[in-house]
Amino acid sequence: MKMVLPCVAAMALVSCAVFGLSASALDIPPKIRHARSAQAHIVESKSTKHEVHHRVATHSGSHAVAKTAAAGKGTSHVAVHGRVRRAALTSRRHHSYERFTASSFVTSQGDGDITAGEDPTIRAAAIDALGNMNGTAVVINPANGRILAMVNQKLALSPGAEPCSTIKLSVGLAALSEGLVTRDTPVNLGGFRMNLTEALAHSNNLYFEELGRELGFERVRHYATQFGLGELAGYNIEGEQLGTYPDQEIPASEGGVGRMCSFGQGVNLTPLQLGAFVAAIANGGTLYYLQHPTTPEEAASFEPKVKRTLDIARFVPDLQDGMAGAVEYGTARSLRVNFHELPVFGKTGTCSNDGTRFGWFASFSDSPQGSLVTVFFLEGGRPVFGPRAAELTGLFYRSLWDRNYFSDKPVQAVAQIGASAKTQSGTSLSSDIASHVSTSWARDQAVPAEIQALRPHSCNGMTGQASYRHTPVARATLAPGLSPWLYPPRSFLHTVIS
């Protein structure tokens, strides 16, 4: 009997040692490996941490405590001196919030702006859309680079801010230009695949991080500077300040080129730079110097000034698909709350820096009377984000529509495209097309047989809506109140001309 107790004690010590080693091994955090980067994937959503706290009633004393398992979920019973206490298993949710110090609202809009050379209807609509939000709205004619309205010019002409997810337009166009992807190329993102259209529509960060790493910093920067980033966008616009593009990739510890291509970290973009770039997308590749007439005489004698011509026309339709998807079912769908009469193609952006949140939305519209490019840029706190800027853009177009802005302007001539305009199949369109473009909002307008034969080139599986390519020339009209994405394919508005 005397030998048994020491043996038992020894066995207990061995068991404790083994158990202790096992427990220590379980405490070692597992290594997480990523296919392309050691950095954690970055998303625009809030991070939420869950902690479970066990509150167990205890009794201080030398008496043993007997525990019995409870049948109820999330509870246990603790017996102390014959009394049963219920120990609750509770879950507390802890939110990690960023603190913002900038104001999201203002008491007036456009104080001190120079407005004599602007379009008064467009300016009034932009002011109405901004309401009391702290931000700026810039509206550009992409056919010549004229700034039609610039509300809160001090902010519009400032050095700018991080472009947030609007940088994805530049990265996507660079990848298309390099032949890295098309709109339909599936990219493996570790567990799922996504193409360019869906990535732009839903602003997927992993997708553009992957494109950035494949392109490399030098090629990313080359295309960004070609598109006008890092240089003044305006021509002799007094007070315009420069938005800069870095000469070197940001450190890997900060996300490297991937972070630069998903959020634009390290980049400063101005509303004018973004507007000039989107105008080049809208017109098929002409990067104009933006000009802001300050008097009626300057507006009357306006002369466009071309900065450079970009070889992007054949890639624009692939990019437009994703921009259209953003408005129809993606991050910018709040625009459609207020406006669905005309096609709008755009990209949102949301990020923050030093207590200020930025909300971007850059877009261009399409109408028989021509295209408009808009940039809404908001600054502030929690009420500021990209979808909010998209919503304000919808209000802007609603205000123009209610003022009969589009119907009061003449339809742009389509004879300029002549026999050079081609359909998807390569068949030249007759110059007779011009006769089929009407200023009336007629739904069932007769169109040539070759145009009737055209069909949507893709369909969004989420909504069942067909998507179409658009260009800023050779447009027909829509019936009032009908979304162009639901309009019958025979409508000339849905014609592919590339």
Foldseek 3Di string as FASTA:
>chain_A
DVVVVVVVVVVVVVVVVVVVVVVVVVPDDDDDDFPPAPDDFDDPDFDKDKDKDWDDDDDDDDDDWDWDQDPDPQWTWTADPNDTDIIGTDIDIDTDDDFFDFAQFADAKQPPHQPALADVLLQVLLRVLCPGGAWWKWKAALVFQETRDIMPVLQLQDLAAFPFQVLLLLLVLLCVVVVVFFQPDWDDQDPDTDGPQQCQQALDLSVQLVSQVVCDDVSSVVSLVVLPAAHQQADPDPSHDHWHDDPDWDDVVVPTSSCCRRTVPPTGDGLSSSQQSQSCLQQQFFRWRHYYDSHNVCNVVPDGGTPDGGNRNVRSLRNQSNQQSNCVPYVQVLLVVQDFFWGKGWGWGWDDDDNKIKIWIWIWIAFQLFIMIMIIIGITHDVHYHNSSSNSVSSSVNSCVVVVVRLVGDGDAQCVCAQVWAAPVRHTDHSCLRVQADSDQDQDGDGDPVQQPDDAPDADPVVRFGDAGAHRHSAHHHHPPDHPSPRDSSHSRRTDTD
